[in-house]
């Protein structure tokens, strides 16, 4: 199995953390590399192990590729309202989930 995409995702999480974007904020990341990312990044980040996405002020983070789609639709809802987000969700056939719908936290033994 290739982990190339997951490694890129982990790199992006670490880059944002080291650039200071996540300093003093809550955030989440891909669960396959969660422990390594938490260990390797500054300790002023409050990593959330069970969350598809996390919003902390003006910073939005997601836990993976599919969760990124969910987060993007939550962002659309934030900007344009629930009905617009539901219309888009129905058109692209992505089920509605919440920030807490994160089965991969359990799968990877984080909770």
PDB file of N, CA and C in Angstrom:
ATOM      1  N   UNK A   1       0.843  -1.174   0.000  1.00  0.00           N
ATOM      2  CA  UNK A   1       0.000   0.000   0.000  1.00  0.00           C
ATOM      3  C   UNK A   1       0.891   1.240   0.000  1.00  0.00           C
ATOM      4  N   UNK A   2       0.497   2.220  -0.790  1.00  0.00           N
ATOM      5  CA  UNK A   2       1.258   3.468  -0.861  1.00  0.00           C
ATOM      6  C   UNK A   2       0.717   4.475   0.138  1.00  0.00           C
ATOM      7  N   UNK A   3       1.605   5.095   0.852  1.00  0.00           N
ATOM      8  CA  UNK A   3       1.218   6.112   1.818  1.00  0.00           C
ATOM      9  C   UNK A   3       1.579   7.507   1.338  1.00  0.00           C
ATOM     10  N   UNK A   4       1.874   7.662   0.050  1.00  0.00           N
ATOM     11  CA  UNK A   4       2.319   8.941  -0.494  1.00  0.00           C
ATOM     12  C   UNK A   4       1.394  10.094  -0.161  1.00  0.00           C
ATOM     13  N   UNK A   5       0.093   9.938  -0.422  1.00  0.00           N
ATOM     14  CA  UNK A   5      -0.860  11.015  -0.149  1.00  0.00           C
ATOM     15  C   UNK A   5      -0.922  11.323   1.341  1.00  0.00           C
ATOM     16  N   UNK A   6      -0.896  10.282   2.171  1.00  0.00           N
ATOM     17  CA  UNK A   6      -0.930  10.505   3.615  1.00  0.00           C
ATOM     18  C   UNK A   6       0.326  11.226   4.085  1.00  0.00           C
ATOM     19  N   UNK A   7       1.455  10.910   3.484  1.00  0.00           N
ATOM     20  CA  UNK A   7       2.690  11.586   3.860  1.00  0.00           C
ATOM     21  C   UNK A   7       2.648  13.054   3.460  1.00  0.00           C
ATOM     22  N   UNK A   8       2.049  13.350   2.301  1.00  0.00           N
ATOM     23  CA  UNK A   8       1.884  14.747   1.891  1.00  0.00           C
ATOM     24  C   UNK A   8       0.987  15.455   2.884  1.00  0.00           C
ATOM     25  N   UNK A   9      -0.101  14.825   3.284  1.00  0.00           N
ATOM     26  CA  UNK A   9      -1.038  15.402   4.247  1.00  0.00           C
ATOM     27  C   UNK A   9      -0.314  15.692   5.571  1.00  0.00           C
ATOM     28  N   UNK A  10       0.494  14.736   6.020  1.00  0.00           N
ATOM     29  CA  UNK A  10       1.241  14.925   7.264  1.00  0.00           C
ATOM     30  C   UNK A  10       2.211  16.088   7.122  1.00  0.00           C
ATOM     31  N   UNK A  11       2.847  16.206   5.964  1.00  0.00           N
ATOM     32  CA  UNK A  11       3.775  17.309   5.718  1.00  0.00           C
ATOM     33  C   UNK A  11       3.046  18.650   5.780  1.00  0.00           C
ATOM     34  N   UNK A  12       1.854  18.717   5.191  1.00  0.00           N
ATOM     35  CA  UNK A  12       1.078  19.961   5.215  1.00  0.00           C
ATOM     36  C   UNK A  12       0.714  20.319   6.648  1.00  0.00           C
ATOM     37  N   UNK A  13       0.287  19.342   7.442  1.00  0.00           N
ATOM     38  CA  UNK A  13      -0.047  19.604   8.846  1.00  0.00           C
ATOM     39  C   UNK A  13       1.158  20.134   9.599  1.00  0.00           C
ATOM     40  N   UNK A  14       2.305  19.504   9.413  1.00  0.00           N
ATOM     41  CA  UNK A  14       3.512  19.946  10.100  1.00  0.00           C
ATOM     42  C   UNK A  14       3.929  21.335   9.630  1.00  0.00           C
ATOM     43  N   UNK A  15       3.811  21.586   8.326  1.00  0.00           N
ATOM     44  CA  UNK A  15       4.204  22.893   7.783  1.00  0.00           C
ATOM     45  C   UNK A  15       3.376  24.010   8.389  1.00  0.00           C
ATOM     46  N   UNK A  16       2.055  23.814   8.452  1.00  0.00           N
ATOM     47  CA  UNK A  16       1.189  24.821   9.066  1.00  0.00           C
ATOM     48  C   UNK A  16       1.517  25.027  10.526  1.00  0.00           C
ATOM     49  N   UNK A  17       1.834  23.933  11.206  1.00  0.00           N
ATOM     50  CA  UNK A  17       2.174  24.024  12.620  1.00  0.00           C
ATOM     51  C   UNK A  17       3.470  24.794  12.823  1.00  0.00           C
ATOM     52  N   UNK A  18       4.484  24.477  12.044  1.00  0.00           N
ATOM     53  CA  UNK A  18       5.774  25.143  12.213  1.00  0.00           C
ATOM     54  C   UNK A  18       5.763  26.577  11.688  1.00  0.00           C
ATOM     55  N   UNK A  19       4.840  26.898  10.803  1.00  0.00           N
ATOM     56  CA  UNK A  19       4.735  28.272  10.300  1.00  0.00           C
ATOM     57  C   UNK A  19       4.023  29.176  11.302  1.00  0.00           C
ATOM     58  N   UNK A  20       3.500  28.590  12.364  1.00  0.00           N
ATOM     59  CA  UNK A  20       2.830  29.370  13.391  1.00  0.00           C
ATOM     60  C   UNK A  20       1.345  29.553  13.163  1.00  0.00           C
ATOM     61  N   UNK A  21       0.816  29.024  12.076  1.00  0.00           N
ATOM     62  CA  UNK A  21      -0.607  29.175  11.759  1.00  0.00           C
ATOM     63  C   UNK A  21      -1.479  28.546  12.850  1.00  0.00           C
ATOM     64  N   UNK A  22      -1.009  27.462  13.434  1.00  0.00           N
ATOM     65  CA  UNK A  22      -1.793  26.728  14.434  1.00  0.00           C
ATOM     66  C   UNK A  22      -1.412  27.076  15.871  1.00  0.00           C
ATOM     67  N   UNK A  23      -0.506  28.001  16.062  1.00  0.00           N
ATOM     68  CA  UNK A  23      -0.047  28.357  17.407  1.00  0.00           C
ATOM     69  C   UNK A  23      -1.213  28.791  18.289  1.00  0.00           C
ATOM     70  N   UNK A  24      -1.343  28.133  19.441  1.00  0.00           N
ATOM     71  CA  UNK A  24      -2.383  28.471  20.404  1.00  0.00           C
ATOM     72  C   UNK A  24      -3.787  28.093  19.972  1.00  0.00           C
ATOM     73  N   UNK A  25      -3.897  27.248  18.970  1.00  0.00           N
ATOM     74  CA  UNK A  25      -5.223  26.896  18.448  1.00  0.00           C
ATOM     75  C   UNK A  25      -5.494  25.409  18.593  1.00  0.00           C
ATOM     76  N   UNK A  26      -6.785  25.077  18.483  1.00  0.00           N
ATOM     77  CA  UNK A  26      -7.214  23.691  18.379  1.00  0.00           C
ATOM     78  C   UNK A  26      -7.124  23.297  16.912  1.00  0.00           C
ATOM     79  N   UNK A  27      -6.739  22.050  16.634  1.00  0.00           N
ATOM     80  CA  UNK A  27      -6.618  21.578  15.258  1.00  0.00           C
ATOM     81  C   UNK A  27      -6.737  20.060  15.228  1.00  0.00           C
ATOM     82  N   UNK A  28      -6.950  19.530  14.039  1.00  0.00           N
ATOM     83  CA  UNK A  28      -6.922  18.085  13.846  1.00  0.00           C
ATOM     84  C   UNK A  28      -6.123  17.789  12.587  1.00  0.00           C
ATOM     85  N   UNK A  29      -5.866  16.514  12.373  1.00  0.00           N
ATOM     86  CA  UNK A  29      -5.081  16.094  11.214  1.00  0.00           C
ATOM     87  C   UNK A  29      -5.411  14.653  10.886  1.00  0.00           C
ATOM     88  N   UNK A  30      -4.803  14.120   9.854  1.00  0.00           N
ATOM     89  CA  UNK A  30      -5.025  12.751   9.431  1.00  0.00           C
ATOM     90  C   UNK A  30      -4.707  11.789  10.569  1.00  0.00           C
ATOM     91  N   UNK A  31      -5.614  10.872  10.823  1.00  0.00           N
ATOM     92  CA  UNK A  31      -5.477   9.996  11.973  1.00  0.00           C
ATOM     93  C   UNK A  31      -4.393   8.939  11.807  1.00  0.00           C
ATOM     94  N   UNK A  32      -4.048   8.558  10.585  1.00  0.00           N
ATOM     95  CA  UNK A  32      -3.002   7.551  10.373  1.00  0.00           C
ATOM     96  C   UNK A  32      -1.647   8.048  10.876  1.00  0.00           C
ATOM     97  N   UNK A  33      -1.423   9.354  10.822  1.00  0.00           N
ATOM     98  CA  UNK A  33      -0.149   9.935  11.254  1.00  0.00           C
ATOM     99  C   UNK A  33      -0.318  10.856  12.466  1.00  0.00           C
ATOM    100  N   UNK A  34      -1.455  10.768  13.119  1.00  0.00           N
ATOM    101  CA  UNK A  34      -1.792  11.692  14.201  1.00  0.00           C
ATOM    102  C   UNK A  34      -0.708  11.743  15.280  1.00  0.00           C
ATOM    103  N   UNK A  35      -0.325  10.589  15.787  1.00  0.00           N
ATOM    104  CA  UNK A  35       0.652  10.555  16.881  1.00  0.00           C
ATOM    105  C   UNK A  35       1.992  11.174  16.474  1.00  0.00           C
ATOM    106  N   UNK A  36       2.439  10.866  15.269  1.00  0.00           N
ATOM    107  CA  UNK A  36       3.702  11.413  14.794  1.00  0.00           C
ATOM    108  C   UNK A  36       3.631  12.927  14.631  1.00  0.00           C
ATOM    109  N   UNK A  37       2.503  13.410  14.141  1.00  0.00           N
ATOM    110  CA  UNK A  37       2.344  14.855  13.950  1.00  0.00           C
ATOM    111  C   UNK A  37       2.309  15.571  15.293  1.00  0.00           C
ATOM    112  N   UNK A  38       1.553  15.029  16.248  1.00  0.00           N
ATOM    113  CA  UNK A  38       1.488  15.633  17.583  1.00  0.00           C
ATOM    114  C   UNK A  38       2.878  15.672  18.212  1.00  0.00           C
ATOM    115  N   UNK A  39       3.620  14.593  18.083  1.00  0.00           N
ATOM    116  CA  UNK A  39       4.962  14.517  18.664  1.00  0.00           C
ATOM    117  C   UNK A  39       5.940  15.496  18.010  1.00  0.00           C
ATOM    118  N   UNK A  40       5.781  15.700  16.708  1.00  0.00           N
ATOM    119  CA  UNK A  40       6.769  16.475  15.954  1.00  0.00           C
ATOM    120  C   UNK A  40       6.468  17.971  15.851  1.00  0.00           C
ATOM    121  N   UNK A  41       5.323  18.395  16.354  1.00  0.00           N
ATOM    122  CA  UNK A  41       4.932  19.804  16.186  1.00  0.00           C
ATOM    123  C   UNK A  41       4.985  20.552  17.511  1.00  0.00           C
ATOM    124  N   UNK A  42       4.971  21.883  17.458  1.00  0.00           N
ATOM    125  CA  UNK A  42       5.031  22.685  18.688  1.00  0.00           C
ATOM    126  C   UNK A  42       3.930  22.303  19.681  1.00  0.00           C
ATOM    127  N   UNK A  43       4.263  22.393  20.955  1.00  0.00           N
ATOM    128  CA  UNK A  43       3.354  21.951  22.019  1.00  0.00           C
ATOM    129  C   UNK A  43       2.246  22.959  22.338  1.00  0.00           C
ATOM    130  N   UNK A  44       2.255  24.121  21.695  1.00  0.00           N
ATOM    131  CA  UNK A  44       1.186  25.092  21.956  1.00  0.00           C
ATOM    132  C   UNK A  44      -0.046  24.856  21.094  1.00  0.00           C
ATOM    133  N   UNK A  45      -0.047  23.779  20.320  1.00  0.00           N
ATOM    134  CA  UNK A  45      -1.207  23.404  19.515  1.00  0.00           C
ATOM    135  C   UNK A  45      -2.013  22.384  20.298  1.00  0.00           C
ATOM    136  N   UNK A  46      -3.323  22.592  20.389  1.00  0.00           N
ATOM    137  CA  UNK A  46      -4.195  21.632  21.069  1.00  0.00           C
ATOM    138  C   UNK A  46      -4.769  20.700  20.006  1.00  0.00           C
ATOM    139  N   UNK A  47      -4.102  19.576  19.773  1.00  0.00           N
ATOM    140  CA  UNK A  47      -4.549  18.621  18.769  1.00  0.00           C
ATOM    141  C   UNK A  47      -5.785  17.886  19.273  1.00  0.00           C
ATOM    142  N   UNK A  48      -6.797  17.769  18.438  1.00  0.00           N
ATOM    143  CA  UNK A  48      -8.063  17.117  18.789  1.00  0.00           C
ATOM    144  C   UNK A  48      -8.083  15.751  18.099  1.00  0.00           C
ATOM    145  N   UNK A  49      -8.034  14.660  18.874  1.00  0.00           N
ATOM    146  CA  UNK A  49      -7.932  13.342  18.260  1.00  0.00           C
ATOM    147  C   UNK A  49      -9.211  12.866  17.575  1.00  0.00           C
ATOM    148  N   UNK A  50     -10.370  13.265  18.065  1.00  0.00           N
ATOM    149  CA  UNK A  50     -11.626  12.788  17.469  1.00  0.00           C
ATOM    150  C   UNK A  50     -12.409  13.965  16.913  1.00  0.00           C
ATOM    151  N   UNK A  51     -12.135  14.285  15.661  1.00  0.00           N
ATOM    152  CA  UNK A  51     -12.852  15.357  14.969  1.00  0.00           C
ATOM    153  C   UNK A  51     -12.602  15.230  13.479  1.00  0.00           C
ATOM    154  N   UNK A  52     -13.656  15.297  12.680  1.00  0.00           N
ATOM    155  CA  UNK A  52     -13.474  15.303  11.218  1.00  0.00           C
ATOM    156  C   UNK A  52     -12.858  16.617  10.794  1.00  0.00           C
ATOM    157  N   UNK A  53     -13.294  17.695  11.453  1.00  0.00           N
ATOM    158  CA  UNK A  53     -12.677  18.997  11.225  1.00  0.00           C
ATOM    159  C   UNK A  53     -12.798  19.806  12.502  1.00  0.00           C
ATOM    160  N   UNK A  54     -11.952  20.807  12.618  1.00  0.00           N
ATOM    161  CA  UNK A  54     -11.951  21.687  13.784  1.00  0.00           C
ATOM    162  C   UNK A  54     -11.896  23.127  13.278  1.00  0.00           C
ATOM    163  N   UNK A  55     -12.705  23.961  13.892  1.00  0.00           N
ATOM    164  CA  UNK A  55     -12.685  25.395  13.595  1.00  0.00           C
ATOM    165  C   UNK A  55     -12.235  26.113  14.857  1.00  0.00           C
ATOM    166  N   UNK A  56     -11.184  26.883  14.737  1.00  0.00           N
ATOM    167  CA  UNK A  56     -10.721  27.710  15.847  1.00  0.00           C
ATOM    168  C   UNK A  56     -10.482  29.112  15.300  1.00  0.00           C
ATOM    169  N   UNK A  57     -11.407  29.982  15.615  1.00  0.00           N
ATOM    170  CA  UNK A  57     -11.399  31.354  15.095  1.00  0.00           C
ATOM    171  C   UNK A  57     -11.391  31.332  13.570  1.00  0.00           C
ATOM    172  N   UNK A  58     -10.334  31.782  12.946  1.00  0.00           N
ATOM    173  CA  UNK A  58     -10.302  31.861  11.483  1.00  0.00           C
ATOM    174  C   UNK A  58      -9.515  30.729  10.839  1.00  0.00           C
ATOM    175  N   UNK A  59      -9.203  29.687  11.598  1.00  0.00           N
ATOM    176  CA  UNK A  59      -8.436  28.566  11.064  1.00  0.00           C
ATOM    177  C   UNK A  59      -9.306  27.307  11.081  1.00  0.00           C
ATOM    178  N   UNK A  60      -9.401  26.672   9.926  1.00  0.00           N
ATOM    179  CA  UNK A  60     -10.159  25.434   9.763  1.00  0.00           C
ATOM    180  C   UNK A  60      -9.173  24.328   9.397  1.00  0.00           C
ATOM    181  N   UNK A  61      -9.217  23.203  10.115  1.00  0.00           N
ATOM    182  CA  UNK A  61      -8.361  22.057   9.792  1.00  0.00           C
ATOM    183  C   UNK A  61      -9.239  20.823   9.660  1.00  0.00           C
ATOM    184  N   UNK A  62      -8.831  19.893   8.792  1.00  0.00           N
ATOM    185  CA  UNK A  62      -9.591  18.651   8.640  1.00  0.00           C
ATOM    186  C   UNK A  62      -8.680  17.459   8.846  1.00  0.00           C
ATOM    187  N   UNK A  63      -9.313  16.289   8.995  1.00  0.00           N
ATOM    188  CA  UNK A  63      -8.547  15.103   9.353  1.00  0.00           C
ATOM    189  C   UNK A  63      -8.212  14.204   8.170  1.00  0.00           C
ATOM    190  N   UNK A  64      -8.590  14.561   6.986  1.00  0.00           N
ATOM    191  CA  UNK A  64      -8.285  13.714   5.833  1.00  0.00           C
ATOM    192  C   UNK A  64      -8.951  14.243   4.579  1.00  0.00           C
ATOM    193  N   UNK A  65      -8.832  13.482   3.511  1.00  0.00           N
ATOM    194  CA  UNK A  65      -9.351  13.918   2.214  1.00  0.00           C
ATOM    195  C   UNK A  65     -10.878  14.019   2.241  1.00  0.00           C
ATOM    196  N   UNK A  66     -11.560  12.959   2.634  1.00  0.00           N
ATOM    197  CA  UNK A  66     -13.028  12.990   2.686  1.00  0.00           C
ATOM    198  C   UNK A  66     -13.499  14.009   3.722  1.00  0.00           C
ATOM    199  N   UNK A  67     -12.809  14.072   4.850  1.00  0.00           N
ATOM    200  CA  UNK A  67     -13.163  15.056   5.875  1.00  0.00           C
ATOM    201  C   UNK A  67     -12.958  16.473   5.358  1.00  0.00           C
ATOM    202  N   UNK A  68     -12.017  16.660   4.446  1.00  0.00           N
ATOM    203  CA  UNK A  68     -11.806  17.967   3.831  1.00  0.00           C
ATOM    204  C   UNK A  68     -13.018  18.405   3.029  1.00  0.00           C
ATOM    205  N   UNK A  69     -13.669  17.454   2.357  1.00  0.00           N
ATOM    206  CA  UNK A  69     -14.907  17.763   1.638  1.00  0.00           C
ATOM    207  C   UNK A  69     -16.002  18.161   2.616  1.00  0.00           C
ATOM    208  N   UNK A  70     -16.099  17.428   3.705  1.00  0.00           N
ATOM    209  CA  UNK A  70     -17.088  17.753   4.736  1.00  0.00           C
ATOM    210  C   UNK A  70     -16.820  19.132   5.327  1.00  0.00           C
ATOM    211  N   UNK A  71     -15.546  19.418   5.595  1.00  0.00           N
ATOM    212  CA  UNK A  71     -15.182  20.719   6.145  1.00  0.00           C
ATOM    213  C   UNK A  71     -15.497  21.829   5.152  1.00  0.00           C
ATOM    214  N   UNK A  72     -15.223  21.598   3.872  1.00  0.00           N
ATOM    215  CA  UNK A  72     -15.514  22.611   2.855  1.00  0.00           C
ATOM    216  C   UNK A  72     -17.004  22.924   2.814  1.00  0.00           C
ATOM    217  N   UNK A  73     -17.834  21.899   2.951  1.00  0.00           N
ATOM    218  CA  UNK A  73     -19.274  22.140   2.960  1.00  0.00           C
ATOM    219  C   UNK A  73     -19.713  22.852   4.239  1.00  0.00           C
ATOM    220  N   UNK A  74     -19.064  22.559   5.350  1.00  0.00           N
ATOM    221  CA  UNK A  74     -19.347  23.303   6.581  1.00  0.00           C
ATOM    222  C   UNK A  74     -18.953  24.765   6.410  1.00  0.00           C
ATOM    223  N   UNK A  75     -17.866  24.998   5.698  1.00  0.00           N
ATOM    224  CA  UNK A  75     -17.420  26.368   5.427  1.00  0.00           C
ATOM    225  C   UNK A  75     -18.425  27.089   4.529  1.00  0.00           C
ATOM    226  N   UNK A  76     -18.940  26.388   3.520  1.00  0.00           N
ATOM    227  CA  UNK A  76     -19.994  26.960   2.667  1.00  0.00           C
ATOM    228  C   UNK A  76     -21.195  27.329   3.520  1.00  0.00           C
ATOM    229  N   UNK A  77     -21.573  26.445   4.426  1.00  0.00           N
ATOM    230  CA  UNK A  77     -22.699  26.734   5.321  1.00  0.00           C
ATOM    231  C   UNK A  77     -22.407  27.965   6.172  1.00  0.00           C
ATOM    232  N   UNK A  78     -21.196  28.067   6.661  1.00  0.00           N
ATOM    233  CA  UNK A  78     -20.779  29.217   7.466  1.00  0.00           C
ATOM    234  C   UNK A  78     -20.916  30.517   6.662  1.00  0.00           C
ATOM    235  N   UNK A  79     -20.528  30.476   5.400  1.00  0.00           N
ATOM    236  CA  UNK A  79     -20.552  31.677   4.564  1.00  0.00           C
ATOM    237  C   UNK A  79     -21.907  31.973   3.941  1.00  0.00           C
ATOM    238  N   UNK A  80     -22.584  30.929   3.451  1.00  0.00           N
ATOM    239  CA  UNK A  80     -23.776  31.140   2.623  1.00  0.00           C
ATOM    240  C   UNK A  80     -25.070  30.590   3.208  1.00  0.00           C
ATOM    241  N   UNK A  81     -24.974  29.849   4.296  1.00  0.00           N
ATOM    242  CA  UNK A  81     -26.176  29.330   4.943  1.00  0.00           C
ATOM    243  C   UNK A  81     -26.404  27.849   4.693  1.00  0.00           C
ATOM    244  N   UNK A  82     -27.231  27.296   5.562  1.00  0.00           N
ATOM    245  CA  UNK A  82     -27.517  25.859   5.564  1.00  0.00           C
ATOM    246  C   UNK A  82     -28.154  25.374   4.267  1.00  0.00           C
ATOM    247  N   UNK A  83     -29.099  26.122   3.740  1.00  0.00           N
ATOM    248  CA  UNK A  83     -29.799  25.678   2.529  1.00  0.00           C
ATOM    249  C   UNK A  83     -28.863  25.576   1.334  1.00  0.00           C
ATOM    250  N   UNK A  84     -27.951  26.524   1.191  1.00  0.00           N
ATOM    251  CA  UNK A  84     -26.984  26.478   0.092  1.00  0.00           C
ATOM    252  C   UNK A  84     -26.082  25.254   0.250  1.00  0.00           C
ATOM    253  N   UNK A  85     -25.599  25.029   1.448  1.00  0.00           N
ATOM    254  CA  UNK A  85     -24.738  23.873   1.699  1.00  0.00           C
ATOM    255  C   UNK A  85     -25.477  22.567   1.437  1.00  0.00           C
ATOM    256  N   UNK A  86     -26.736  22.485   1.852  1.00  0.00           N
ATOM    257  CA  UNK A  86     -27.527  21.263   1.626  1.00  0.00           C
ATOM    258  C   UNK A  86     -27.765  21.037   0.140  1.00  0.00           C
ATOM    259  N   UNK A  87     -27.997  22.109  -0.607  1.00  0.00           N
ATOM    260  CA  UNK A  87     -28.191  21.999  -2.048  1.00  0.00           C
ATOM    261  C   UNK A  87     -26.929  21.439  -2.711  1.00  0.00           C
ATOM    262  N   UNK A  88     -25.791  21.981  -2.345  1.00  0.00           N
ATOM    263  CA  UNK A  88     -24.516  21.509  -2.913  1.00  0.00           C
ATOM    264  C   UNK A  88     -24.266  20.069  -2.501  1.00  0.00           C
ATOM    265  N   UNK A  89     -24.479  19.771  -1.227  1.00  0.00           N
ATOM    266  CA  UNK A  89     -24.270  18.418  -0.699  1.00  0.00           C
ATOM    267  C   UNK A  89     -25.111  17.408  -1.471  1.00  0.00           C
ATOM    268  N   UNK A  90     -26.352  17.755  -1.734  1.00  0.00           N
ATOM    269  CA  UNK A  90     -27.236  16.867  -2.493  1.00  0.00           C
ATOM    270  C   UNK A  90     -26.776  16.693  -3.929  1.00  0.00           C
ATOM    271  N   UNK A  91     -26.285  17.760  -4.530  1.00  0.00           N
ATOM    272  CA  UNK A  91     -25.826  17.698  -5.916  1.00  0.00           C
ATOM    273  C   UNK A  91     -24.590  16.843  -6.099  1.00  0.00           C
ATOM    274  N   UNK A  92     -23.689  16.861  -5.130  1.00  0.00           N
ATOM    275  CA  UNK A  92     -22.453  16.075  -5.259  1.00  0.00           C
ATOM    276  C   UNK A  92     -22.505  14.785  -4.430  1.00  0.00           C
ATOM    277  N   UNK A  93     -23.661  14.564  -3.806  1.00  0.00           N
ATOM    278  CA  UNK A  93     -23.941  13.319  -3.085  1.00  0.00           C
ATOM    279  C   UNK A  93     -22.938  13.002  -1.987  1.00  0.00           C
ATOM    280  N   UNK A  94     -22.772  13.959  -1.103  1.00  0.00           N
ATOM    281  CA  UNK A  94     -21.951  13.755   0.091  1.00  0.00           C
ATOM    282  C   UNK A  94     -22.881  13.784   1.291  1.00  0.00           C
ATOM    283  N   UNK A  95     -22.933  12.707   2.077  1.00  0.00           N
ATOM    284  CA  UNK A  95     -23.829  12.683   3.231  1.00  0.00           C
ATOM    285  C   UNK A  95     -23.466  13.760   4.256  1.00  0.00           C
ATOM    286  N   UNK A  96     -24.471  14.225   4.962  1.00  0.00           N
ATOM    287  CA  UNK A  96     -24.239  15.248   5.984  1.00  0.00           C
ATOM    288  C   UNK A  96     -23.650  14.603   7.231  1.00  0.00           C
ATOM    289  N   UNK A  97     -22.570  15.189   7.734  1.00  0.00           N
ATOM    290  CA  UNK A  97     -21.924  14.726   8.963  1.00  0.00           C
ATOM    291  C   UNK A  97     -21.614  15.938   9.824  1.00  0.00           C
ATOM    292  N   UNK A  98     -21.223  15.663  11.048  1.00  0.00           N
ATOM    293  CA  UNK A  98     -20.824  16.742  11.947  1.00  0.00           C
ATOM    294  C   UNK A  98     -19.328  16.647  12.214  1.00  0.00           C
ATOM    295  N   UNK A  99     -18.816  17.640  12.909  1.00  0.00           N
ATOM    296  CA  UNK A  99     -17.397  17.649  13.278  1.00  0.00           C
ATOM    297  C   UNK A  99     -17.011  16.413  14.084  1.00  0.00           C
ATOM    298  N   UNK A 100     -17.946  15.894  14.871  1.00  0.00           N
ATOM    299  CA  UNK A 100     -17.650  14.768  15.757  1.00  0.00           C
ATOM    300  C   UNK A 100     -17.769  13.408  15.080  1.00  0.00           C
ATOM    301  N   UNK A 101     -18.275  13.340  13.849  1.00  0.00           N
ATOM    302  CA  UNK A 101     -18.407  12.064  13.135  1.00  0.00           C
ATOM    303  C   UNK A 101     -17.044  11.633  12.605  1.00  0.00           C
ATOM    304  N   UNK A 102     -16.277  10.964  13.445  1.00  0.00           N
ATOM    305  CA  UNK A 102     -14.910  10.610  13.084  1.00  0.00           C
ATOM    306  C   UNK A 102     -14.610   9.156  13.440  1.00  0.00           C
ATOM    307  N   UNK A 103     -15.014   8.207  12.585  1.00  0.00           N
ATOM    308  CA  UNK A 103     -14.761   6.797  12.886  1.00  0.00           C
ATOM    309  C   UNK A 103     -13.277   6.431  12.845  1.00  0.00           C
ATOM    310  N   UNK A 104     -12.462   7.248  12.208  1.00  0.00           N
ATOM    311  CA  UNK A 104     -11.052   6.901  12.058  1.00  0.00           C
ATOM    312  C   UNK A 104     -10.248   7.131  13.335  1.00  0.00           C
ATOM    313  N   UNK A 105     -10.749   7.958  14.234  1.00  0.00           N
ATOM    314  CA  UNK A 105     -10.094   8.108  15.537  1.00  0.00           C
ATOM    315  C   UNK A 105     -10.122   6.784  16.289  1.00  0.00           C
ATOM    316  N   UNK A 106     -11.248   6.099  16.219  1.00  0.00           N
ATOM    317  CA  UNK A 106     -11.375   4.782  16.846  1.00  0.00           C
ATOM    318  C   UNK A 106     -10.556   3.744  16.081  1.00  0.00           C
ATOM    319  N   UNK A 107     -10.653   3.766  14.764  1.00  0.00           N
ATOM    320  CA  UNK A 107      -9.911   2.824  13.920  1.00  0.00           C
ATOM    321  C   UNK A 107      -8.412   2.859  14.210  1.00  0.00           C
ATOM    322  N   UNK A 108      -7.889   4.060  14.419  1.00  0.00           N
ATOM    323  CA  UNK A 108      -6.454   4.218  14.663  1.00  0.00           C
ATOM    324  C   UNK A 108      -6.102   4.225  16.153  1.00  0.00           C
ATOM    325  N   UNK A 109      -7.086   3.894  17.013  1.00  0.00           N
ATOM    326  CA  UNK A 109      -6.820   3.748  18.436  1.00  0.00           C
ATOM    327  C   UNK A 109      -6.518   5.034  19.188  1.00  0.00           C
ATOM    328  N   UNK A 110      -7.101   6.136  18.724  1.00  0.00           N
ATOM    329  CA  UNK A 110      -6.840   7.425  19.380  1.00  0.00           C
ATOM    330  C   UNK A 110      -7.847   7.739  20.480  1.00  0.00           C
ATOM    331  N   UNK A 111      -8.973   7.038  20.489  1.00  0.00           N
ATOM    332  CA  UNK A 111      -9.985   7.236  21.540  1.00  0.00           C
ATOM    333  C   UNK A 111     -10.444   5.894  22.055  1.00  0.00           C
TER     334      UNK A 111
END
